[in-house]
Amino acid sequence: RGMLVRPGHIAEADFNLAAEESKEQGKNIEDIL
């Protein structure tokens, strides 16, 4: 999150959705992004 959201590479809402999907699917968040 610190690498991608704070500098503005990814919107926080998009990151949060990807993080949630990562938890639900048991996949790495990097792969989801």
PDB file of all heavy atoms in Angstrom:
ATOM      1  N   ARG A   1       0.843  -1.201   0.000  1.00  0.00           N
ATOM      2  CA  ARG A   1       0.000   0.000   0.000  1.00  0.00           C
ATOM      3  C   ARG A   1       0.881   1.255   0.000  1.00  0.00           C
ATOM      4  O   ARG A   1       0.641   2.196  -0.741  1.00  0.00           O
ATOM      5  CB  ARG A   1      -0.924   0.008   1.220  1.00  0.00           C
ATOM      6  CG  ARG A   1      -1.853   1.218   1.289  1.00  0.00           C
ATOM      7  CD  ARG A   1      -2.644   1.255   2.590  1.00  0.00           C
ATOM      8  NE  ARG A   1      -3.319   0.016   2.884  1.00  0.00           N
ATOM      9  CZ  ARG A   1      -4.489  -0.346   2.377  1.00  0.00           C
ATOM     10  NH1 ARG A   1      -5.107   0.443   1.528  1.00  0.00           N
ATOM     11  NH2 ARG A   1      -5.038  -1.489   2.725  1.00  0.00           N
ATOM     12  N   GLY A   2       1.915   1.244   0.827  1.00  0.00           N
ATOM     13  CA  GLY A   2       2.827   2.377   0.904  1.00  0.00           C
ATOM     14  C   GLY A   2       3.556   2.641  -0.407  1.00  0.00           C
ATOM     15  O   GLY A   2       3.820   3.780  -0.775  1.00  0.00           O
ATOM     16  N   MET A   3       3.874   1.570  -1.129  1.00  0.00           N
ATOM     17  CA  MET A   3       4.587   1.702  -2.407  1.00  0.00           C
ATOM     18  C   MET A   3       3.676   2.152  -3.540  1.00  0.00           C
ATOM     19  O   MET A   3       4.128   2.804  -4.474  1.00  0.00           O
ATOM     20  CB  MET A   3       5.191   0.353  -2.812  1.00  0.00           C
ATOM     21  CG  MET A   3       6.460   0.013  -2.121  1.00  0.00           C
ATOM     22  SD  MET A   3       7.091  -1.536  -2.800  1.00  0.00           S
ATOM     23  CE  MET A   3       6.667  -2.621  -1.454  1.00  0.00           C
ATOM     24  N   LEU A   4       2.390   1.773  -3.465  1.00  0.00           N
ATOM     25  CA  LEU A   4       1.507   1.979  -4.612  1.00  0.00           C
ATOM     26  C   LEU A   4       0.456   3.069  -4.424  1.00  0.00           C
ATOM     27  O   LEU A   4       0.183   3.826  -5.350  1.00  0.00           O
ATOM     28  CB  LEU A   4       0.803   0.660  -4.953  1.00  0.00           C
ATOM     29  CG  LEU A   4       1.729  -0.504  -5.295  1.00  0.00           C
ATOM     30  CD1 LEU A   4       0.918  -1.777  -5.515  1.00  0.00           C
ATOM     31  CD2 LEU A   4       2.561  -0.183  -6.502  1.00  0.00           C
ATOM     32  N   VAL A   5      -0.121   3.161  -3.245  1.00  0.00           N
ATOM     33  CA  VAL A   5      -1.224   4.113  -3.035  1.00  0.00           C
ATOM     34  C   VAL A   5      -0.699   5.495  -2.688  1.00  0.00           C
ATOM     35  O   VAL A   5      -1.098   6.484  -3.314  1.00  0.00           O
ATOM     36  CB  VAL A   5      -2.192   3.600  -1.940  1.00  0.00           C
ATOM     37  CG1 VAL A   5      -3.243   4.647  -1.619  1.00  0.00           C
ATOM     38  CG2 VAL A   5      -2.856   2.301  -2.392  1.00  0.00           C
ATOM     39  N   ARG A   6       0.182   5.575  -1.715  1.00  0.00           N
ATOM     40  CA  ARG A   6       0.654   6.894  -1.263  1.00  0.00           C
ATOM     41  C   ARG A   6       1.307   7.713  -2.369  1.00  0.00           C
ATOM     42  O   ARG A   6       1.020   8.896  -2.496  1.00  0.00           O
ATOM     43  CB  ARG A   6       1.571   6.726  -0.057  1.00  0.00           C
ATOM     44  CG  ARG A   6       0.795   6.260   1.166  1.00  0.00           C
ATOM     45  CD  ARG A   6       1.623   6.182   2.441  1.00  0.00           C
ATOM     46  NE  ARG A   6       0.860   5.467   3.450  1.00  0.00           N
ATOM     47  CZ  ARG A   6       1.155   4.257   3.908  1.00  0.00           C
ATOM     48  NH1 ARG A   6       2.220   3.630   3.467  1.00  0.00           N
ATOM     49  NH2 ARG A   6       0.404   3.679   4.811  1.00  0.00           N
ATOM     50  N   PRO A   7       2.138   7.101  -3.238  1.00  0.00           N
ATOM     51  CA  PRO A   7       2.714   7.876  -4.350  1.00  0.00           C
ATOM     52  C   PRO A   7       1.741   8.103  -5.509  1.00  0.00           C
ATOM     53  O   PRO A   7       2.052   8.819  -6.443  1.00  0.00           O
ATOM     54  CB  PRO A   7       3.899   7.037  -4.826  1.00  0.00           C
ATOM     55  CG  PRO A   7       4.100   5.970  -3.827  1.00  0.00           C
ATOM     56  CD  PRO A   7       2.821   5.815  -3.079  1.00  0.00           C
ATOM     57  N   GLY A   8       0.571   7.450  -5.470  1.00  0.00           N
ATOM     58  CA  GLY A   8      -0.427   7.684  -6.504  1.00  0.00           C
ATOM     59  C   GLY A   8      -0.390   6.746  -7.697  1.00  0.00           C
ATOM     60  O   GLY A   8      -0.998   7.032  -8.723  1.00  0.00           O
ATOM     61  N   HIS A   9       0.288   5.609  -7.578  1.00  0.00           N
ATOM     62  CA  HIS A   9       0.319   4.646  -8.685  1.00  0.00           C
ATOM     63  C   HIS A   9      -1.025   3.940  -8.847  1.00  0.00           C
ATOM     64  O   HIS A   9      -1.412   3.585  -9.956  1.00  0.00           O
ATOM     65  CB  HIS A   9       1.418   3.605  -8.477  1.00  0.00           C
ATOM     66  CG  HIS A   9       2.794   4.184  -8.438  1.00  0.00           C
ATOM     67  ND1 HIS A   9       3.406   4.724  -9.549  1.00  0.00           N
ATOM     68  CD2 HIS A   9       3.672   4.334  -7.414  1.00  0.00           C
ATOM     69  CE1 HIS A   9       4.603   5.165  -9.213  1.00  0.00           C
ATOM     70  NE2 HIS A   9       4.783   4.939  -7.928  1.00  0.00           N
ATOM     71  N   ILE A  10      -1.718   3.712  -7.720  1.00  0.00           N
ATOM     72  CA  ILE A  10      -3.015   3.037  -7.709  1.00  0.00           C
ATOM     73  C   ILE A  10      -3.933   3.795  -6.750  1.00  0.00           C
ATOM     74  O   ILE A  10      -3.494   4.195  -5.666  1.00  0.00           O
ATOM     75  CB  ILE A  10      -2.879   1.574  -7.250  1.00  0.00           C
ATOM     76  CG1 ILE A  10      -2.044   0.767  -8.247  1.00  0.00           C
ATOM     77  CG2 ILE A  10      -4.246   0.919  -7.058  1.00  0.00           C
ATOM     78  CD1 ILE A  10      -1.792  -0.659  -7.828  1.00  0.00           C
ATOM     79  N   ALA A  11      -5.199   3.959  -7.128  1.00  0.00           N
ATOM     80  CA  ALA A  11      -6.178   4.607  -6.258  1.00  0.00           C
ATOM     81  C   ALA A  11      -6.421   3.726  -5.032  1.00  0.00           C
ATOM     82  O   ALA A  11      -6.428   2.495  -5.123  1.00  0.00           O
ATOM     83  CB  ALA A  11      -7.484   4.833  -7.000  1.00  0.00           C
ATOM     84  N   GLU A  12      -6.631   4.357  -3.897  1.00  0.00           N
ATOM     85  CA  GLU A  12      -6.839   3.618  -2.648  1.00  0.00           C
ATOM     86  C   GLU A  12      -8.043   2.680  -2.732  1.00  0.00           C
ATOM     87  O   GLU A  12      -7.990   1.545  -2.270  1.00  0.00           O
ATOM     88  CB  GLU A  12      -6.991   4.571  -1.474  1.00  0.00           C
ATOM     89  CG  GLU A  12      -7.062   3.841  -0.149  1.00  0.00           C
ATOM     90  CD  GLU A  12      -6.886   4.750   1.052  1.00  0.00           C
ATOM     91  OE1 GLU A  12      -6.955   5.983   0.896  1.00  0.00           O
ATOM     92  OE2 GLU A  12      -6.685   4.201   2.150  1.00  0.00           O
ATOM     93  N   ALA A  13      -9.119   3.138  -3.354  1.00  0.00           N
ATOM     94  CA  ALA A  13     -10.318   2.294  -3.476  1.00  0.00           C
ATOM     95  C   ALA A  13     -10.016   1.040  -4.292  1.00  0.00           C
ATOM     96  O   ALA A  13     -10.449  -0.067  -3.925  1.00  0.00           O
ATOM     97  CB  ALA A  13     -11.456   3.086  -4.115  1.00  0.00           C
ATOM     98  N   ASP A  14      -9.271   1.177  -5.377  1.00  0.00           N
ATOM     99  CA  ASP A  14      -8.897   0.023  -6.193  1.00  0.00           C
ATOM    100  C   ASP A  14      -8.006  -0.933  -5.412  1.00  0.00           C
ATOM    101  O   ASP A  14      -8.156  -2.154  -5.484  1.00  0.00           O
ATOM    102  CB  ASP A  14      -8.184   0.467  -7.472  1.00  0.00           C
ATOM    103  CG  ASP A  14      -9.106   1.164  -8.456  1.00  0.00           C
ATOM    104  OD1 ASP A  14     -10.324   0.907  -8.420  1.00  0.00           O
ATOM    105  OD2 ASP A  14      -8.594   1.958  -9.269  1.00  0.00           O
ATOM    106  N   PHE A  15      -7.071  -0.371  -4.667  1.00  0.00           N
ATOM    107  CA  PHE A  15      -6.172  -1.202  -3.864  1.00  0.00           C
ATOM    108  C   PHE A  15      -6.962  -1.972  -2.813  1.00  0.00           C
ATOM    109  O   PHE A  15      -6.742  -3.172  -2.611  1.00  0.00           O
ATOM    110  CB  PHE A  15      -5.092  -0.344  -3.194  1.00  0.00           C
ATOM    111  CG  PHE A  15      -4.064  -1.160  -2.468  1.00  0.00           C
ATOM    112  CD1 PHE A  15      -2.924  -1.602  -3.122  1.00  0.00           C
ATOM    113  CD2 PHE A  15      -4.242  -1.500  -1.138  1.00  0.00           C
ATOM    114  CE1 PHE A  15      -1.978  -2.370  -2.458  1.00  0.00           C
ATOM    115  CE2 PHE A  15      -3.300  -2.275  -0.470  1.00  0.00           C
ATOM    116  CZ  PHE A  15      -2.164  -2.706  -1.127  1.00  0.00           C
ATOM    117  N   ASN A  16      -7.901  -1.284  -2.152  1.00  0.00           N
ATOM    118  CA  ASN A  16      -8.699  -1.938  -1.118  1.00  0.00           C
ATOM    119  C   ASN A  16      -9.534  -3.076  -1.688  1.00  0.00           C
ATOM    120  O   ASN A  16      -9.652  -4.135  -1.067  1.00  0.00           O
ATOM    121  CB  ASN A  16      -9.587  -0.922  -0.404  1.00  0.00           C
ATOM    122  CG  ASN A  16      -8.790   0.044   0.445  1.00  0.00           C
ATOM    123  OD1 ASN A  16      -7.640  -0.222   0.810  1.00  0.00           O
ATOM    124  ND2 ASN A  16      -9.373   1.187   0.748  1.00  0.00           N
ATOM    125  N   LEU A  17     -10.120  -2.870  -2.865  1.00  0.00           N
ATOM    126  CA  LEU A  17     -10.896  -3.936  -3.509  1.00  0.00           C
ATOM    127  C   LEU A  17      -9.998  -5.125  -3.851  1.00  0.00           C
ATOM    128  O   LEU A  17     -10.387  -6.280  -3.666  1.00  0.00           O
ATOM    129  CB  LEU A  17     -11.592  -3.415  -4.765  1.00  0.00           C
ATOM    130  CG  LEU A  17     -12.785  -2.489  -4.541  1.00  0.00           C
ATOM    131  CD1 LEU A  17     -13.255  -1.895  -5.867  1.00  0.00           C
ATOM    132  CD2 LEU A  17     -13.924  -3.232  -3.853  1.00  0.00           C
ATOM    133  N   ALA A  18      -8.810  -4.846  -4.343  1.00  0.00           N
ATOM    134  CA  ALA A  18      -7.865  -5.917  -4.674  1.00  0.00           C
ATOM    135  C   ALA A  18      -7.431  -6.661  -3.409  1.00  0.00           C
ATOM    136  O   ALA A  18      -7.301  -7.888  -3.421  1.00  0.00           O
ATOM    137  CB  ALA A  18      -6.654  -5.347  -5.411  1.00  0.00           C
ATOM    138  N   ALA A  19      -7.220  -5.941  -2.319  1.00  0.00           N
ATOM    139  CA  ALA A  19      -6.822  -6.574  -1.053  1.00  0.00           C
ATOM    140  C   ALA A  19      -7.929  -7.493  -0.546  1.00  0.00           C
ATOM    141  O   ALA A  19      -7.654  -8.608  -0.082  1.00  0.00           O
ATOM    142  CB  ALA A  19      -6.485  -5.503  -0.013  1.00  0.00           C
ATOM    143  N   GLU A  20      -9.162  -7.048  -0.649  1.00  0.00           N
ATOM    144  CA  GLU A  20     -10.301  -7.862  -0.222  1.00  0.00           C
ATOM    145  C   GLU A  20     -10.429  -9.115  -1.098  1.00  0.00           C
ATOM    146  O   GLU A  20     -10.626 -10.218  -0.599  1.00  0.00           O
ATOM    147  CB  GLU A  20     -11.586  -7.041  -0.272  1.00  0.00           C
ATOM    148  CG  GLU A  20     -12.787  -7.748   0.302  1.00  0.00           C
ATOM    149  CD  GLU A  20     -12.629  -8.097   1.780  1.00  0.00           C
ATOM    150  OE1 GLU A  20     -12.000  -7.329   2.522  1.00  0.00           O
ATOM    151  OE2 GLU A  20     -13.137  -9.156   2.180  1.00  0.00           O
ATOM    152  N   GLU A  21     -10.300  -8.932  -2.398  1.00  0.00           N
ATOM    153  CA  GLU A  21     -10.366 -10.063  -3.326  1.00  0.00           C
ATOM    154  C   GLU A  21      -9.237 -11.055  -3.052  1.00  0.00           C
ATOM    155  O   GLU A  21      -9.432 -12.275  -3.128  1.00  0.00           O
ATOM    156  CB  GLU A  21     -10.304  -9.554  -4.764  1.00  0.00           C
ATOM    157  CG  GLU A  21     -10.602 -10.608  -5.792  1.00  0.00           C
ATOM    158  CD  GLU A  21     -10.696 -10.030  -7.193  1.00  0.00           C
ATOM    159  OE1 GLU A  21     -11.222  -8.914  -7.371  1.00  0.00           O
ATOM    160  OE2 GLU A  21     -10.243 -10.726  -8.128  1.00  0.00           O
ATOM    161  N   SER A  22      -8.078 -10.536  -2.708  1.00  0.00           N
ATOM    162  CA  SER A  22      -6.931 -11.372  -2.385  1.00  0.00           C
ATOM    163  C   SER A  22      -7.247 -12.268  -1.187  1.00  0.00           C
ATOM    164  O   SER A  22      -6.959 -13.467  -1.201  1.00  0.00           O
ATOM    165  CB  SER A  22      -5.724 -10.482  -2.095  1.00  0.00           C
ATOM    166  OG  SER A  22      -4.664 -11.208  -1.539  1.00  0.00           O
ATOM    167  N   LYS A  23      -7.840 -11.686  -0.161  1.00  0.00           N
ATOM    168  CA  LYS A  23      -8.221 -12.463   1.026  1.00  0.00           C
ATOM    169  C   LYS A  23      -9.260 -13.518   0.686  1.00  0.00           C
ATOM    170  O   LYS A  23      -9.141 -14.674   1.083  1.00  0.00           O
ATOM    171  CB  LYS A  23      -8.807 -11.543   2.094  1.00  0.00           C
ATOM    172  CG  LYS A  23      -7.816 -10.807   2.919  1.00  0.00           C
ATOM    173  CD  LYS A  23      -8.551 -10.031   3.994  1.00  0.00           C
ATOM    174  CE  LYS A  23      -7.659  -9.085   4.718  1.00  0.00           C
ATOM    175  NZ  LYS A  23      -8.393  -8.288   5.713  1.00  0.00           N
ATOM    176  N   GLU A  24     -10.289 -13.108  -0.049  1.00  0.00           N
ATOM    177  CA  GLU A  24     -11.385 -14.016  -0.380  1.00  0.00           C
ATOM    178  C   GLU A  24     -10.928 -15.194  -1.230  1.00  0.00           C
ATOM    179  O   GLU A  24     -11.384 -16.317  -1.042  1.00  0.00           O
ATOM    180  CB  GLU A  24     -12.495 -13.263  -1.117  1.00  0.00           C
ATOM    181  CG  GLU A  24     -13.260 -12.291  -0.257  1.00  0.00           C
ATOM    182  CD  GLU A  24     -14.209 -11.408  -1.046  1.00  0.00           C
ATOM    183  OE1 GLU A  24     -14.288 -11.560  -2.290  1.00  0.00           O
ATOM    184  OE2 GLU A  24     -14.876 -10.569  -0.414  1.00  0.00           O
ATOM    185  N   GLN A  25     -10.040 -14.931  -2.180  1.00  0.00           N
ATOM    186  CA  GLN A  25      -9.605 -15.963  -3.121  1.00  0.00           C
ATOM    187  C   GLN A  25      -8.337 -16.690  -2.686  1.00  0.00           C
ATOM    188  O   GLN A  25      -7.941 -17.673  -3.311  1.00  0.00           O
ATOM    189  CB  GLN A  25      -9.390 -15.358  -4.508  1.00  0.00           C
ATOM    190  CG  GLN A  25     -10.651 -14.834  -5.132  1.00  0.00           C
ATOM    191  CD  GLN A  25     -10.407 -14.292  -6.533  1.00  0.00           C
ATOM    192  OE1 GLN A  25      -9.354 -14.469  -7.121  1.00  0.00           O
ATOM    193  NE2 GLN A  25     -11.410 -13.620  -7.071  1.00  0.00           N
ATOM    194  N   GLY A  26      -7.692 -16.185  -1.655  1.00  0.00           N
ATOM    195  CA  GLY A  26      -6.440 -16.791  -1.211  1.00  0.00           C
ATOM    196  C   GLY A  26      -5.317 -16.626  -2.213  1.00  0.00           C
ATOM    197  O   GLY A  26      -4.419 -17.454  -2.295  1.00  0.00           O
ATOM    198  N   LYS A  27      -5.364 -15.540  -2.996  1.00  0.00           N
ATOM    199  CA  LYS A  27      -4.336 -15.255  -3.996  1.00  0.00           C
ATOM    200  C   LYS A  27      -3.471 -14.094  -3.511  1.00  0.00           C
ATOM    201  O   LYS A  27      -3.896 -13.287  -2.696  1.00  0.00           O
ATOM    202  CB  LYS A  27      -4.986 -14.870  -5.336  1.00  0.00           C
ATOM    203  CG  LYS A  27      -5.703 -16.015  -6.021  1.00  0.00           C
ATOM    204  CD  LYS A  27      -6.437 -15.574  -7.266  1.00  0.00           C
ATOM    205  CE  LYS A  27      -5.533 -15.182  -8.400  1.00  0.00           C
ATOM    206  NZ  LYS A  27      -6.283 -14.835  -9.633  1.00  0.00           N
ATOM    207  N   ASN A  28      -2.270 -14.018  -4.062  1.00  0.00           N
ATOM    208  CA  ASN A  28      -1.396 -12.885  -3.748  1.00  0.00           C
ATOM    209  C   ASN A  28      -2.014 -11.601  -4.284  1.00  0.00           C
ATOM    210  O   ASN A  28      -2.495 -11.571  -5.420  1.00  0.00           O
ATOM    211  CB  ASN A  28      -0.017 -13.061  -4.390  1.00  0.00           C
ATOM    212  CG  ASN A  28       0.792 -14.139  -3.734  1.00  0.00           C
ATOM    213  OD1 ASN A  28       0.624 -14.430  -2.561  1.00  0.00           O
ATOM    214  ND2 ASN A  28       1.668 -14.753  -4.502  1.00  0.00           N
ATOM    215  N   ILE A  29      -1.947 -10.551  -3.490  1.00  0.00           N
ATOM    216  CA  ILE A  29      -2.500  -9.273  -3.928  1.00  0.00           C
ATOM    217  C   ILE A  29      -1.765  -8.763  -5.165  1.00  0.00           C
ATOM    218  O   ILE A  29      -2.371  -8.131  -6.033  1.00  0.00           O
ATOM    219  CB  ILE A  29      -2.499  -8.234  -2.789  1.00  0.00           C
ATOM    220  CG1 ILE A  29      -3.249  -6.968  -3.241  1.00  0.00           C
ATOM    221  CG2 ILE A  29      -1.097  -7.936  -2.320  1.00  0.00           C
ATOM    222  CD1 ILE A  29      -3.534  -5.977  -2.156  1.00  0.00           C
ATOM    223  N   GLU A  30      -0.478  -9.062  -5.268  1.00  0.00           N
ATOM    224  CA  GLU A  30       0.281  -8.629  -6.438  1.00  0.00           C
ATOM    225  C   GLU A  30      -0.329  -9.191  -7.715  1.00  0.00           C
ATOM    226  O   GLU A  30      -0.466  -8.482  -8.714  1.00  0.00           O
ATOM    227  CB  GLU A  30       1.748  -9.063  -6.332  1.00  0.00           C
ATOM    228  CG  GLU A  30       2.509  -8.435  -5.189  1.00  0.00           C
ATOM    229  CD  GLU A  30       2.500  -9.278  -3.917  1.00  0.00           C
ATOM    230  OE1 GLU A  30       1.536 -10.053  -3.693  1.00  0.00           O
ATOM    231  OE2 GLU A  30       3.450  -9.155  -3.139  1.00  0.00           O
ATOM    232  N   ASP A  31      -0.724 -10.473  -7.673  1.00  0.00           N
ATOM    233  CA  ASP A  31      -1.335 -11.111  -8.841  1.00  0.00           C
ATOM    234  C   ASP A  31      -2.681 -10.469  -9.173  1.00  0.00           C
ATOM    235  O   ASP A  31      -3.002 -10.257 -10.343  1.00  0.00           O
ATOM    236  CB  ASP A  31      -1.521 -12.611  -8.606  1.00  0.00           C
ATOM    237  CG  ASP A  31      -0.202 -13.357  -8.528  1.00  0.00           C
ATOM    238  OD1 ASP A  31       0.800 -12.855  -9.092  1.00  0.00           O
ATOM    239  OD2 ASP A  31      -0.171 -14.431  -7.907  1.00  0.00           O
ATOM    240  N   ILE A  32      -3.459 -10.149  -8.151  1.00  0.00           N
ATOM    241  CA  ILE A  32      -4.761  -9.510  -8.359  1.00  0.00           C
ATOM    242  C   ILE A  32      -4.574  -8.147  -9.024  1.00  0.00           C
ATOM    243  O   ILE A  32      -5.268  -7.806  -9.981  1.00  0.00           O
ATOM    244  CB  ILE A  32      -5.526  -9.343  -7.026  1.00  0.00           C
ATOM    245  CG1 ILE A  32      -5.746 -10.684  -6.331  1.00  0.00           C
ATOM    246  CG2 ILE A  32      -6.823  -8.573  -7.220  1.00  0.00           C
ATOM    247  CD1 ILE A  32      -6.806 -11.559  -6.902  1.00  0.00           C
ATOM    248  N   LEU A  33      -3.638  -7.357  -8.514  1.00  0.00           N
ATOM    249  CA  LEU A  33      -3.392  -6.017  -9.064  1.00  0.00           C
ATOM    250  C   LEU A  33      -3.000  -6.070 -10.538  1.00  0.00           C
ATOM    251  O   LEU A  33      -3.479  -5.275 -11.344  1.00  0.00           O
ATOM    252  CB  LEU A  33      -2.310  -5.302  -8.252  1.00  0.00           C
ATOM    253  CG  LEU A  33      -2.669  -4.963  -6.807  1.00  0.00           C
ATOM    254  CD1 LEU A  33      -1.431  -4.536  -6.027  1.00  0.00           C
ATOM    255  CD2 LEU A  33      -3.746  -3.893  -6.742  1.00  0.00           C
TER     256      LEU A  33
END
